C-alpha cells in the first residue's frame, strides 16, 4: 500500500502506516491539575478548618514560565492549573481550601497526600511509547494527542482514489424536478458520502445515460485516475445491462465474477486492471443494495489492506423470528430498541432494496450466514453500521 506524509491539518480520517512513537515524555515537567498552592505534603498533615497550617508564599508561578524558587518545609508557591510545580513541592492544595493573610502568608485548611493534584513527567505518555498504533483511522482525539506530543507530520496510507459512475436514462440531478418515469440520482451522492466517511478521495463522479460508448469512455478514464471504480446500475443481466461486458473489455485481467451469493446484491460485478492496479465494482442500481455491497466489499478491503481494526459491533437480541435465504449471505437492516428489562432488541426494517427509507429508519445491519435458515426471537446478534 502506498504511503504519504501529512501534517495535522490533513490528518483527520487518515490511517497511520506505522506506529507513532512519543518523542518525549508527556508532560515533560511536574504539572498542576488544580488552581492552588504547591506545598510539601508533610506540612499539611493534620490541617483542618479548625486547625489550619500556615505557610509562607515564596512565588507566584506564571503560566508558560518555569518556576524560579524552591519550596521547602514551611513555604509554598501559587500555581495555576496546568502550571509548573517548583522544585521541592510534591502536592497541590486547591485554592478553595486556603486563605491569604498579610499577602505572603497562607492558611491551609486541608490535608493532602504526596502527589495530590500533580501530573508527573511521562504520566500521560512515556518517551518512546506507542502513542498511536499502525492502522488507526485518526479521529479528533488522536489529532489532539499528536499535537500534545509535538508531532506535526505523520506517515499515513495514501487514501484510495475513487471514481463513481452512475448509469441510467431515468436519472436526474437531486436539484432538478423529476418528470414522469424519472427518479433522482441517489447512488452517486450516497456512495460519495460513504466514500468520504471512510477517509477516501473522490477523483471522478459522473452520471451517464444508458449509452454503451459513454460508459466505456468513462471506465477507461476512471481506471487511469482511480484505485477503485464504482459503477451503479447496469449490473444485472437484462437487455440494457452491458456493464459486465465493458469491464471485461476495459480491464486487462477482465471480470473476476458476475454474481455473488448475497442478498441484496446478487448481480455484483468484480473486475481488475493489472496495468493501472485498479479494482472495479459493478454495484446494483438499487440504492440500499449498492451501499451494502460497497460496505461489504470496498470498505472492508480498504480496512483490511490498511490493517484497521474490525468494527466493534453492538450486541442485541432479535425482537422476532426472521427467515434466511438458504445458500445466500443475507444483510438485514435493523432498528434497535431497549425493552422494559434494559435489553437491546433488533427489529428488522422491512423494505425493498431500492427504498432509502430502509436506511433512514435503520440503526445498522446484521449478517445472516448463508448456512442458517433464519434467526429466532431472542437469539443474540451483532449489529454493524455503515462506514468505518
Foldseek 3Di string as FASTA:
>chain_A
DAKDKDFLVLQAQFFFQFFDFQQAWVVAAKFFQAFFKFAALVQQPPAAPVRWGKAFEDEEFDPPDEDDDAHARRHIYGAHHGGGGHHPGFEGAHHVQWDDDPVGMITGHDRDDGNYRIDHTNNVHHGGDRLDGFLDRDHPVSSVSCVSSVHTMGMGHQAWEEAEEEEEPQEDDPVDDRDPSHDHQDQQVVVVVQCVLNVHHYDYYYYYYLDVVVVLVVVLVDLQPGQEYEYEALQDPDPSNCVQVSLQVNAPQHWPDQADQAPPWGRWTWHAHPVSNHIYIYTYNQRQRRLVVCQVPVSVVVSVVRVHDDDAFDKAFEQAKDFDAARGWYKFFWAWDQDPVRGIYTYTQDDDSNDCVNVVRGPFIFIDDNHDGTHGGGHMTTGDHRHD
